[in-house]
Amino acid sequence: MASYSIGDAERLLGVRSHVIRYWEKEVSLIQPRKDISGRKKYSGRDLRLLLRLKHLLYERRFTIEGAREQLIREMSGLDSELRAELEEIRFALMDLFFTGRGGDGDL
């Protein structure tokens, strides 16, 4: 299972780490694990939730409370087969994002 650092999350989301930490605190669905040295590691699921949260907040103009409730509704309302298929596609796109970069780290 792939895990990503907070720096990876910053690059993917285009927001600073303190914003990500605030979102984690407000949306309990996002649950990064800590590695042996205490650094947070985000799963693909965490990053997908963060991407959706950013969309709800910045594009759809939800409040953080409204966005949290919307995420919960979305997670409980999708057909399980459709959700699994979407998860596979999202994971493949995130994998491409992190492995498809040039050697200098630029996108």
PDB file of N, CA and C in Angstrom:
ATOM      1  N   MET A   1       0.841  -1.178   0.000  1.00  0.00           N
ATOM      2  CA  MET A   1       0.000   0.000   0.000  1.00  0.00           C
ATOM      3  C   MET A   1       0.882   1.235   0.000  1.00  0.00           C
ATOM      4  N   ALA A   2       0.651   2.106  -0.956  1.00  0.00           N
ATOM      5  CA  ALA A   2       1.460   3.315  -1.087  1.00  0.00           C
ATOM      6  C   ALA A   2       1.102   4.304   0.015  1.00  0.00           C
ATOM      7  N   SER A   3       2.108   5.046   0.445  1.00  0.00           N
ATOM      8  CA  SER A   3       1.862   6.123   1.404  1.00  0.00           C
ATOM      9  C   SER A   3       2.611   7.357   0.923  1.00  0.00           C
ATOM     10  N   TYR A   4       2.089   8.505   1.312  1.00  0.00           N
ATOM     11  CA  TYR A   4       2.595   9.770   0.804  1.00  0.00           C
ATOM     12  C   TYR A   4       2.872  10.708   1.972  1.00  0.00           C
ATOM     13  N   SER A   5       3.895  11.513   1.826  1.00  0.00           N
ATOM     14  CA  SER A   5       4.258  12.473   2.871  1.00  0.00           C
ATOM     15  C   SER A   5       3.359  13.703   2.783  1.00  0.00           C
ATOM     16  N   ILE A   6       3.448  14.553   3.779  1.00  0.00           N
ATOM     17  CA  ILE A   6       2.671  15.787   3.742  1.00  0.00           C
ATOM     18  C   ILE A   6       3.181  16.696   2.620  1.00  0.00           C
ATOM     19  N   GLY A   7       4.467  16.590   2.283  1.00  0.00           N
ATOM     20  CA  GLY A   7       5.006  17.346   1.143  1.00  0.00           C
ATOM     21  C   GLY A   7       4.382  16.893  -0.165  1.00  0.00           C
ATOM     22  N   ASP A   8       4.195  15.574  -0.309  1.00  0.00           N
ATOM     23  CA  ASP A   8       3.506  15.053  -1.490  1.00  0.00           C
ATOM     24  C   ASP A   8       2.079  15.595  -1.549  1.00  0.00           C
ATOM     25  N   ALA A   9       1.408  15.593  -0.395  1.00  0.00           N
ATOM     26  CA  ALA A   9       0.032  16.098  -0.337  1.00  0.00           C
ATOM     27  C   ALA A   9      -0.013  17.582  -0.695  1.00  0.00           C
ATOM     28  N   GLU A  10       0.949  18.355  -0.205  1.00  0.00           N
ATOM     29  CA  GLU A  10       1.017  19.785  -0.551  1.00  0.00           C
ATOM     30  C   GLU A  10       1.141  19.984  -2.058  1.00  0.00           C
ATOM     31  N   ARG A  11       2.035  19.233  -2.678  1.00  0.00           N
ATOM     32  CA  ARG A  11       2.235  19.371  -4.128  1.00  0.00           C
ATOM     33  C   ARG A  11       0.988  18.961  -4.909  1.00  0.00           C
ATOM     34  N   LEU A  12       0.374  17.883  -4.519  1.00  0.00           N
ATOM     35  CA  LEU A  12      -0.812  17.402  -5.222  1.00  0.00           C
ATOM     36  C   LEU A  12      -1.975  18.376  -5.076  1.00  0.00           C
ATOM     37  N   LEU A  13      -2.195  18.869  -3.869  1.00  0.00           N
ATOM     38  CA  LEU A  13      -3.348  19.720  -3.584  1.00  0.00           C
ATOM     39  C   LEU A  13      -3.118  21.190  -3.908  1.00  0.00           C
ATOM     40  N   GLY A  14      -1.864  21.618  -3.872  1.00  0.00           N
ATOM     41  CA  GLY A  14      -1.581  23.029  -4.086  1.00  0.00           C
ATOM     42  C   GLY A  14      -1.964  23.896  -2.899  1.00  0.00           C
ATOM     43  N   VAL A  15      -1.941  23.314  -1.699  1.00  0.00           N
ATOM     44  CA  VAL A  15      -2.204  24.067  -0.467  1.00  0.00           C
ATOM     45  C   VAL A  15      -1.084  23.763   0.522  1.00  0.00           C
ATOM     46  N   ARG A  16      -0.900  24.645   1.493  1.00  0.00           N
ATOM     47  CA  ARG A  16       0.173  24.497   2.471  1.00  0.00           C
ATOM     48  C   ARG A  16      -0.172  23.440   3.525  1.00  0.00           C
ATOM     49  N   SER A  17       0.849  22.953   4.183  1.00  0.00           N
ATOM     50  CA  SER A  17       0.673  21.861   5.149  1.00  0.00           C
ATOM     51  C   SER A  17      -0.226  22.256   6.317  1.00  0.00           C
ATOM     52  N   HIS A  18      -0.185  23.514   6.758  1.00  0.00           N
ATOM     53  CA  HIS A  18      -1.052  23.900   7.878  1.00  0.00           C
ATOM     54  C   HIS A  18      -2.528  23.822   7.494  1.00  0.00           C
ATOM     55  N   VAL A  19      -2.844  24.037   6.224  1.00  0.00           N
ATOM     56  CA  VAL A  19      -4.226  23.906   5.749  1.00  0.00           C
ATOM     57  C   VAL A  19      -4.631  22.435   5.788  1.00  0.00           C
ATOM     58  N   ILE A  20      -3.744  21.573   5.333  1.00  0.00           N
ATOM     59  CA  ILE A  20      -4.019  20.132   5.348  1.00  0.00           C
ATOM     60  C   ILE A  20      -4.249  19.656   6.777  1.00  0.00           C
ATOM     61  N   ARG A  21      -3.403  20.111   7.703  1.00  0.00           N
ATOM     62  CA  ARG A  21      -3.562  19.708   9.104  1.00  0.00           C
ATOM     63  C   ARG A  21      -4.899  20.188   9.675  1.00  0.00           C
ATOM     64  N   TYR A  22      -5.305  21.409   9.307  1.00  0.00           N
ATOM     65  CA  TYR A  22      -6.594  21.929   9.761  1.00  0.00           C
ATOM     66  C   TYR A  22      -7.735  21.063   9.219  1.00  0.00           C
ATOM     67  N   TRP A  23      -7.666  20.728   7.935  1.00  0.00           N
ATOM     68  CA  TRP A  23      -8.697  19.880   7.336  1.00  0.00           C
ATOM     69  C   TRP A  23      -8.772  18.532   8.041  1.00  0.00           C
ATOM     70  N   GLU A  24      -7.616  17.958   8.366  1.00  0.00           N
ATOM     71  CA  GLU A  24      -7.590  16.678   9.089  1.00  0.00           C
ATOM     72  C   GLU A  24      -8.346  16.784  10.406  1.00  0.00           C
ATOM     73  N   LYS A  25      -8.121  17.881  11.107  1.00  0.00           N
ATOM     74  CA  LYS A  25      -8.750  18.087  12.403  1.00  0.00           C
ATOM     75  C   LYS A  25     -10.270  18.236  12.260  1.00  0.00           C
ATOM     76  N   GLU A  26     -10.702  18.889  11.200  1.00  0.00           N
ATOM     77  CA  GLU A  26     -12.130  19.161  11.001  1.00  0.00           C
ATOM     78  C   GLU A  26     -12.890  18.012  10.342  1.00  0.00           C
ATOM     79  N   VAL A  27     -12.197  17.182   9.589  1.00  0.00           N
ATOM     80  CA  VAL A  27     -12.845  16.083   8.861  1.00  0.00           C
ATOM     81  C   VAL A  27     -12.209  14.775   9.321  1.00  0.00           C
ATOM     82  N   SER A  28     -12.879  14.107  10.239  1.00  0.00           N
ATOM     83  CA  SER A  28     -12.287  12.916  10.858  1.00  0.00           C
ATOM     84  C   SER A  28     -12.159  11.731   9.890  1.00  0.00           C
ATOM     85  N   LEU A  29     -12.740  11.836   8.704  1.00  0.00           N
ATOM     86  CA  LEU A  29     -12.578  10.779   7.703  1.00  0.00           C
ATOM     87  C   LEU A  29     -11.133  10.685   7.220  1.00  0.00           C
ATOM     88  N   ILE A  30     -10.402  11.784   7.317  1.00  0.00           N
ATOM     89  CA  ILE A  30      -8.995  11.831   6.879  1.00  0.00           C
ATOM     90  C   ILE A  30      -8.144  11.402   8.071  1.00  0.00           C
ATOM     91  N   GLN A  31      -7.471  10.256   7.910  1.00  0.00           N
ATOM     92  CA  GLN A  31      -6.745   9.679   9.035  1.00  0.00           C
ATOM     93  C   GLN A  31      -5.345   9.222   8.640  1.00  0.00           C
ATOM     94  N   PRO A  32      -4.414  10.170   8.498  1.00  0.00           N
ATOM     95  CA  PRO A  32      -3.052   9.752   8.170  1.00  0.00           C
ATOM     96  C   PRO A  32      -2.434   8.975   9.326  1.00  0.00           C
ATOM     97  N   ARG A  33      -1.571   8.060   8.984  1.00  0.00           N
ATOM     98  CA  ARG A  33      -0.852   7.274   9.993  1.00  0.00           C
ATOM     99  C   ARG A  33       0.516   7.917  10.202  1.00  0.00           C
ATOM    100  N   LYS A  34       1.112   7.620  11.330  1.00  0.00           N
ATOM    101  CA  LYS A  34       2.474   8.103  11.584  1.00  0.00           C
ATOM    102  C   LYS A  34       3.440   6.946  11.380  1.00  0.00           C
ATOM    103  N   ASP A  35       4.562   7.261  10.725  1.00  0.00           N
ATOM    104  CA  ASP A  35       5.566   6.217  10.542  1.00  0.00           C
ATOM    105  C   ASP A  35       6.380   6.081  11.817  1.00  0.00           C
ATOM    106  N   ILE A  36       7.370   5.243  11.780  1.00  0.00           N
ATOM    107  CA  ILE A  36       8.155   4.932  12.977  1.00  0.00           C
ATOM    108  C   ILE A  36       8.867   6.155  13.553  1.00  0.00           C
ATOM    109  N   SER A  37       9.167   7.130  12.685  1.00  0.00           N
ATOM    110  CA  SER A  37       9.831   8.346  13.167  1.00  0.00           C
ATOM    111  C   SER A  37       8.848   9.475  13.460  1.00  0.00           C
ATOM    112  N   GLY A  38       7.549   9.190  13.422  1.00  0.00           N
ATOM    113  CA  GLY A  38       6.547  10.174  13.812  1.00  0.00           C
ATOM    114  C   GLY A  38       6.030  11.062  12.693  1.00  0.00           C
ATOM    115  N   ARG A  39       6.479  10.838  11.458  1.00  0.00           N
ATOM    116  CA  ARG A  39       5.996  11.649  10.330  1.00  0.00           C
ATOM    117  C   ARG A  39       4.680  11.090   9.830  1.00  0.00           C
ATOM    118  N   LYS A  40       3.788  12.011   9.444  1.00  0.00           N
ATOM    119  CA  LYS A  40       2.490  11.590   8.921  1.00  0.00           C
ATOM    120  C   LYS A  40       2.650  11.006   7.532  1.00  0.00           C
ATOM    121  N   LYS A  41       1.925   9.927   7.300  1.00  0.00           N
ATOM    122  CA  LYS A  41       1.882   9.282   5.989  1.00  0.00           C
ATOM    123  C   LYS A  41       0.423   9.162   5.575  1.00  0.00           C
ATOM    124  N   TYR A  42       0.139   9.668   4.390  1.00  0.00           N
ATOM    125  CA  TYR A  42      -1.226   9.675   3.874  1.00  0.00           C
ATOM    126  C   TYR A  42      -1.423   8.510   2.914  1.00  0.00           C
ATOM    127  N   SER A  43      -2.555   7.862   3.039  1.00  0.00           N
ATOM    128  CA  SER A  43      -2.896   6.772   2.118  1.00  0.00           C
ATOM    129  C   SER A  43      -3.505   7.390   0.856  1.00  0.00           C
ATOM    130  N   GLY A  44      -3.665   6.567  -0.162  1.00  0.00           N
ATOM    131  CA  GLY A  44      -4.347   7.029  -1.365  1.00  0.00           C
ATOM    132  C   GLY A  44      -5.757   7.491  -1.048  1.00  0.00           C
ATOM    133  N   ARG A  45      -6.411   6.797  -0.139  1.00  0.00           N
ATOM    134  CA  ARG A  45      -7.764   7.183   0.281  1.00  0.00           C
ATOM    135  C   ARG A  45      -7.752   8.571   0.905  1.00  0.00           C
ATOM    136  N   ASP A  46      -6.775   8.830   1.795  1.00  0.00           N
ATOM    137  CA  ASP A  46      -6.663  10.153   2.417  1.00  0.00           C
ATOM    138  C   ASP A  46      -6.502  11.243   1.361  1.00  0.00           C
ATOM    139  N   LEU A  47      -5.639  11.001   0.384  1.00  0.00           N
ATOM    140  CA  LEU A  47      -5.413  12.009  -0.655  1.00  0.00           C
ATOM    141  C   LEU A  47      -6.660  12.226  -1.503  1.00  0.00           C
ATOM    142  N   ARG A  48      -7.381  11.168  -1.791  1.00  0.00           N
ATOM    143  CA  ARG A  48      -8.626  11.328  -2.559  1.00  0.00           C
ATOM    144  C   ARG A  48      -9.639  12.155  -1.774  1.00  0.00           C
ATOM    145  N   LEU A  49      -9.744  11.897  -0.490  1.00  0.00           N
ATOM    146  CA  LEU A  49     -10.647  12.684   0.347  1.00  0.00           C
ATOM    147  C   LEU A  49     -10.217  14.145   0.399  1.00  0.00           C
ATOM    148  N   LEU A  50      -8.920  14.372   0.518  1.00  0.00           N
ATOM    149  CA  LEU A  50      -8.416  15.743   0.544  1.00  0.00           C
ATOM    150  C   LEU A  50      -8.682  16.465  -0.776  1.00  0.00           C
ATOM    151  N   LEU A  51      -8.496  15.765  -1.892  1.00  0.00           N
ATOM    152  CA  LEU A  51      -8.786  16.372  -3.198  1.00  0.00           C
ATOM    153  C   LEU A  51     -10.266  16.732  -3.313  1.00  0.00           C
ATOM    154  N   ARG A  52     -11.132  15.833  -2.888  1.00  0.00           N
ATOM    155  CA  ARG A  52     -12.568  16.102  -2.955  1.00  0.00           C
ATOM    156  C   ARG A  52     -12.939  17.246  -2.018  1.00  0.00           C
ATOM    157  N   LEU A  53     -12.347  17.252  -0.831  1.00  0.00           N
ATOM    158  CA  LEU A  53     -12.606  18.318   0.134  1.00  0.00           C
ATOM    159  C   LEU A  53     -12.187  19.666  -0.445  1.00  0.00           C
ATOM    160  N   LYS A  54     -11.027  19.723  -1.047  1.00  0.00           N
ATOM    161  CA  LYS A  54     -10.565  20.969  -1.656  1.00  0.00           C
ATOM    162  C   LYS A  54     -11.551  21.432  -2.724  1.00  0.00           C
ATOM    163  N   HIS A  55     -12.021  20.518  -3.553  1.00  0.00           N
ATOM    164  CA  HIS A  55     -12.995  20.872  -4.586  1.00  0.00           C
ATOM    165  C   HIS A  55     -14.269  21.448  -3.959  1.00  0.00           C
ATOM    166  N   LEU A  56     -14.772  20.781  -2.932  1.00  0.00           N
ATOM    167  CA  LEU A  56     -15.994  21.256  -2.287  1.00  0.00           C
ATOM    168  C   LEU A  56     -15.802  22.640  -1.666  1.00  0.00           C
ATOM    169  N   LEU A  57     -14.645  22.864  -1.065  1.00  0.00           N
ATOM    170  CA  LEU A  57     -14.394  24.147  -0.406  1.00  0.00           C
ATOM    171  C   LEU A  57     -14.093  25.271  -1.399  1.00  0.00           C
ATOM    172  N   TYR A  58     -13.231  25.013  -2.363  1.00  0.00           N
ATOM    173  CA  TYR A  58     -12.739  26.079  -3.235  1.00  0.00           C
ATOM    174  C   TYR A  58     -13.593  26.287  -4.486  1.00  0.00           C
ATOM    175  N   GLU A  59     -14.114  25.214  -5.033  1.00  0.00           N
ATOM    176  CA  GLU A  59     -14.887  25.334  -6.276  1.00  0.00           C
ATOM    177  C   GLU A  59     -16.388  25.453  -5.996  1.00  0.00           C
ATOM    178  N   ARG A  60     -16.881  24.610  -5.106  1.00  0.00           N
ATOM    179  CA  ARG A  60     -18.318  24.594  -4.829  1.00  0.00           C
ATOM    180  C   ARG A  60     -18.694  25.559  -3.709  1.00  0.00           C
ATOM    181  N   ARG A  61     -17.683  26.112  -3.026  1.00  0.00           N
ATOM    182  CA  ARG A  61     -17.861  27.141  -1.989  1.00  0.00           C
ATOM    183  C   ARG A  61     -18.631  26.651  -0.749  1.00  0.00           C
ATOM    184  N   PHE A  62     -18.438  25.382  -0.396  1.00  0.00           N
ATOM    185  CA  PHE A  62     -19.015  24.840   0.823  1.00  0.00           C
ATOM    186  C   PHE A  62     -18.272  25.406   2.028  1.00  0.00           C
ATOM    187  N   THR A  63     -18.928  25.433   3.175  1.00  0.00           N
ATOM    188  CA  THR A  63     -18.224  25.662   4.438  1.00  0.00           C
ATOM    189  C   THR A  63     -17.532  24.350   4.790  1.00  0.00           C
ATOM    190  N   ILE A  64     -16.625  24.371   5.746  1.00  0.00           N
ATOM    191  CA  ILE A  64     -15.947  23.139   6.149  1.00  0.00           C
ATOM    192  C   ILE A  64     -16.964  22.145   6.724  1.00  0.00           C
ATOM    193  N   GLU A  65     -17.958  22.647   7.455  1.00  0.00           N
ATOM    194  CA  GLU A  65     -18.985  21.769   8.012  1.00  0.00           C
ATOM    195  C   GLU A  65     -19.823  21.143   6.895  1.00  0.00           C
ATOM    196  N   GLY A  66     -20.214  21.956   5.940  1.00  0.00           N
ATOM    197  CA  GLY A  66     -21.004  21.458   4.822  1.00  0.00           C
ATOM    198  C   GLY A  66     -20.233  20.460   3.981  1.00  0.00           C
ATOM    199  N   ALA A  67     -18.946  20.737   3.764  1.00  0.00           N
ATOM    200  CA  ALA A  67     -18.105  19.833   2.980  1.00  0.00           C
ATOM    201  C   ALA A  67     -17.946  18.495   3.698  1.00  0.00           C
ATOM    202  N   ARG A  68     -17.763  18.537   5.011  1.00  0.00           N
ATOM    203  CA  ARG A  68     -17.644  17.298   5.790  1.00  0.00           C
ATOM    204  C   ARG A  68     -18.920  16.461   5.649  1.00  0.00           C
ATOM    205  N   GLU A  69     -20.071  17.097   5.779  1.00  0.00           N
ATOM    206  CA  GLU A  69     -21.337  16.379   5.647  1.00  0.00           C
ATOM    207  C   GLU A  69     -21.520  15.829   4.231  1.00  0.00           C
ATOM    208  N   GLN A  70     -21.112  16.591   3.228  1.00  0.00           N
ATOM    209  CA  GLN A  70     -21.214  16.135   1.845  1.00  0.00           C
ATOM    210  C   GLN A  70     -20.334  14.909   1.614  1.00  0.00           C
ATOM    211  N   LEU A  71     -19.126  14.916   2.134  1.00  0.00           N
ATOM    212  CA  LEU A  71     -18.236  13.761   2.007  1.00  0.00           C
ATOM    213  C   LEU A  71     -18.859  12.522   2.635  1.00  0.00           C
ATOM    214  N   ILE A  72     -19.444  12.692   3.792  1.00  0.00           N
ATOM    215  CA  ILE A  72     -20.084  11.558   4.470  1.00  0.00           C
ATOM    216  C   ILE A  72     -21.238  11.032   3.629  1.00  0.00           C
ATOM    217  N   ARG A  73     -22.054  11.931   3.093  1.00  0.00           N
ATOM    218  CA  ARG A  73     -23.172  11.500   2.244  1.00  0.00           C
ATOM    219  C   ARG A  73     -22.670  10.761   1.016  1.00  0.00           C
ATOM    220  N   GLU A  74     -21.633  11.296   0.385  1.00  0.00           N
ATOM    221  CA  GLU A  74     -21.093  10.670  -0.826  1.00  0.00           C
ATOM    222  C   GLU A  74     -20.532   9.283  -0.536  1.00  0.00           C
ATOM    223  N   MET A  75     -19.858   9.137   0.578  1.00  0.00           N
ATOM    224  CA  MET A  75     -19.242   7.858   0.902  1.00  0.00           C
ATOM    225  C   MET A  75     -20.278   6.796   1.246  1.00  0.00           C
ATOM    226  N   SER A  76     -21.399   7.218   1.770  1.00  0.00           N
ATOM    227  CA  SER A  76     -22.407   6.226   2.144  1.00  0.00           C
ATOM    228  C   SER A  76     -23.435   5.993   1.045  1.00  0.00           C
ATOM    229  N   GLY A  77     -23.485   6.852   0.035  1.00  0.00           N
ATOM    230  CA  GLY A  77     -24.544   6.752  -0.949  1.00  0.00           C
ATOM    231  C   GLY A  77     -24.201   6.091  -2.264  1.00  0.00           C
ATOM    232  N   LEU A  78     -22.927   5.931  -2.603  1.00  0.00           N
ATOM    233  CA  LEU A  78     -22.570   5.363  -3.902  1.00  0.00           C
ATOM    234  C   LEU A  78     -22.728   3.848  -3.918  1.00  0.00           C
ATOM    235  N   ASP A  79     -23.137   3.333  -5.038  1.00  0.00           N
ATOM    236  CA  ASP A  79     -23.181   1.896  -5.257  1.00  0.00           C
ATOM    237  C   ASP A  79     -21.781   1.334  -5.063  1.00  0.00           C
ATOM    238  N   SER A  80     -21.648   0.219  -4.396  1.00  0.00           N
ATOM    239  CA  SER A  80     -20.327  -0.307  -4.049  1.00  0.00           C
ATOM    240  C   SER A  80     -19.481  -0.653  -5.275  1.00  0.00           C
ATOM    241  N   GLU A  81     -20.078  -1.179  -6.343  1.00  0.00           N
ATOM    242  CA  GLU A  81     -19.292  -1.499  -7.543  1.00  0.00           C
ATOM    243  C   GLU A  81     -18.776  -0.239  -8.210  1.00  0.00           C
ATOM    244  N   LEU A  82     -19.630   0.770  -8.322  1.00  0.00           N
ATOM    245  CA  LEU A  82     -19.221   2.041  -8.920  1.00  0.00           C
ATOM    246  C   LEU A  82     -18.128   2.688  -8.081  1.00  0.00           C
ATOM    247  N   ARG A  83     -18.286   2.647  -6.776  1.00  0.00           N
ATOM    248  CA  ARG A  83     -17.289   3.234  -5.897  1.00  0.00           C
ATOM    249  C   ARG A  83     -15.941   2.534  -6.068  1.00  0.00           C
ATOM    250  N   ALA A  84     -15.937   1.215  -6.146  1.00  0.00           N
ATOM    251  CA  ALA A  84     -14.695   0.459  -6.325  1.00  0.00           C
ATOM    252  C   ALA A  84     -14.027   0.818  -7.649  1.00  0.00           C
ATOM    253  N   GLU A  85     -14.820   0.952  -8.700  1.00  0.00           N
ATOM    254  CA  GLU A  85     -14.271   1.309 -10.009  1.00  0.00           C
ATOM    255  C   GLU A  85     -13.671   2.716  -9.989  1.00  0.00           C
ATOM    256  N   LEU A  86     -14.368   3.654  -9.359  1.00  0.00           N
ATOM    257  CA  LEU A  86     -13.851   5.017  -9.248  1.00  0.00           C
ATOM    258  C   LEU A  86     -12.567   5.058  -8.416  1.00  0.00           C
ATOM    259  N   GLU A  87     -12.529   4.266  -7.357  1.00  0.00           N
ATOM    260  CA  GLU A  87     -11.331   4.205  -6.521  1.00  0.00           C
ATOM    261  C   GLU A  87     -10.124   3.723  -7.323  1.00  0.00           C
ATOM    262  N   GLU A  88     -10.322   2.722  -8.156  1.00  0.00           N
ATOM    263  CA  GLU A  88      -9.231   2.210  -8.990  1.00  0.00           C
ATOM    264  C   GLU A  88      -8.723   3.280  -9.942  1.00  0.00           C
ATOM    265  N   ILE A  89      -9.629   3.994 -10.570  1.00  0.00           N
ATOM    266  CA  ILE A  89      -9.244   5.047 -11.518  1.00  0.00           C
ATOM    267  C   ILE A  89      -8.498   6.153 -10.793  1.00  0.00           C
ATOM    268  N   ARG A  90      -9.018   6.577  -9.648  1.00  0.00           N
ATOM    269  CA  ARG A  90      -8.367   7.648  -8.888  1.00  0.00           C
ATOM    270  C   ARG A  90      -6.971   7.234  -8.441  1.00  0.00           C
ATOM    271  N   PHE A  91      -6.848   6.002  -7.962  1.00  0.00           N
ATOM    272  CA  PHE A  91      -5.545   5.532  -7.517  1.00  0.00           C
ATOM    273  C   PHE A  91      -4.551   5.510  -8.678  1.00  0.00           C
ATOM    274  N   ALA A  92      -4.999   5.053  -9.841  1.00  0.00           N
ATOM    275  CA  ALA A  92      -4.120   5.016 -11.014  1.00  0.00           C
ATOM    276  C   ALA A  92      -3.672   6.427 -11.399  1.00  0.00           C
ATOM    277  N   LEU A  93      -4.564   7.388 -11.341  1.00  0.00           N
ATOM    278  CA  LEU A  93      -4.207   8.771 -11.671  1.00  0.00           C
ATOM    279  C   LEU A  93      -3.227   9.358 -10.654  1.00  0.00           C
ATOM    280  N   MET A  94      -3.451   9.067  -9.373  1.00  0.00           N
ATOM    281  CA  MET A  94      -2.524   9.564  -8.356  1.00  0.00           C
ATOM    282  C   MET A  94      -1.161   8.915  -8.509  1.00  0.00           C
ATOM    283  N   ASP A  95      -1.146   7.632  -8.827  1.00  0.00           N
ATOM    284  CA  ASP A  95       0.118   6.935  -9.032  1.00  0.00           C
ATOM    285  C   ASP A  95       0.877   7.561 -10.203  1.00  0.00           C
ATOM    286  N   LEU A  96       0.169   7.870 -11.278  1.00  0.00           N
ATOM    287  CA  LEU A  96       0.793   8.532 -12.423  1.00  0.00           C
ATOM    288  C   LEU A  96       1.338   9.899 -12.045  1.00  0.00           C
ATOM    289  N   PHE A  97       0.603  10.619 -11.228  1.00  0.00           N
ATOM    290  CA  PHE A  97       1.037  11.939 -10.798  1.00  0.00           C
ATOM    291  C   PHE A  97       2.381  11.857 -10.074  1.00  0.00           C
ATOM    292  N   PHE A  98       2.510  10.896  -9.172  1.00  0.00           N
ATOM    293  CA  PHE A  98       3.728  10.812  -8.368  1.00  0.00           C
ATOM    294  C   PHE A  98       4.876  10.100  -9.071  1.00  0.00           C
ATOM    295  N   THR A  99       4.589   9.205  -9.989  1.00  0.00           N
ATOM    296  CA  THR A  99       5.672   8.486 -10.652  1.00  0.00           C
ATOM    297  C   THR A  99       5.986   9.045 -12.027  1.00  0.00           C
ATOM    298  N   GLY A 100       5.119   9.872 -12.573  1.00  0.00           N
ATOM    299  CA  GLY A 100       5.301  10.390 -13.924  1.00  0.00           C
ATOM    300  C   GLY A 100       6.104  11.668 -14.002  1.00  0.00           C
ATOM    301  N   ARG A 101       6.627  12.127 -12.884  1.00  0.00           N
ATOM    302  CA  ARG A 101       7.414  13.364 -12.875  1.00  0.00           C
ATOM    303  C   ARG A 101       8.785  13.125 -13.456  1.00  0.00           C
ATOM    304  N   GLY A 102       9.364  14.207 -13.965  1.00  0.00           N
ATOM    305  CA  GLY A 102      10.745  14.148 -14.451  1.00  0.00           C
ATOM    306  C   GLY A 102      11.708  14.025 -13.286  1.00  0.00           C
ATOM    307  N   GLY A 103      12.962  13.832 -13.577  1.00  0.00           N
ATOM    308  CA  GLY A 103      13.985  13.632 -12.558  1.00  0.00           C
ATOM    309  C   GLY A 103      14.201  14.816 -11.653  1.00  0.00           C
ATOM    310  N   ASP A 104      13.815  16.038 -12.091  1.00  0.00           N
ATOM    311  CA  ASP A 104      14.059  17.215 -11.265  1.00  0.00           C
ATOM    312  C   ASP A 104      12.921  17.519 -10.309  1.00  0.00           C
ATOM    313  N   GLY A 105      11.859  16.694 -10.311  1.00  0.00           N
ATOM    314  CA  GLY A 105      10.761  16.887  -9.390  1.00  0.00           C
ATOM    315  C   GLY A 105       9.688  17.838  -9.876  1.00  0.00           C
ATOM    316  N   ASP A 106       9.881  18.463 -11.026  1.00  0.00           N
ATOM    317  CA  ASP A 106       8.858  19.352 -11.567  1.00  0.00           C
ATOM    318  C   ASP A 106       7.747  18.539 -12.209  1.00  0.00           C
ATOM    319  N   LEU A 107       6.577  19.131 -12.201  1.00  0.00           N
ATOM    320  CA  LEU A 107       5.436  18.471 -12.833  1.00  0.00           C
ATOM    321  C   LEU A 107       5.428  18.735 -14.317  1.00  0.00           C
TER     322      LEU A 107
END
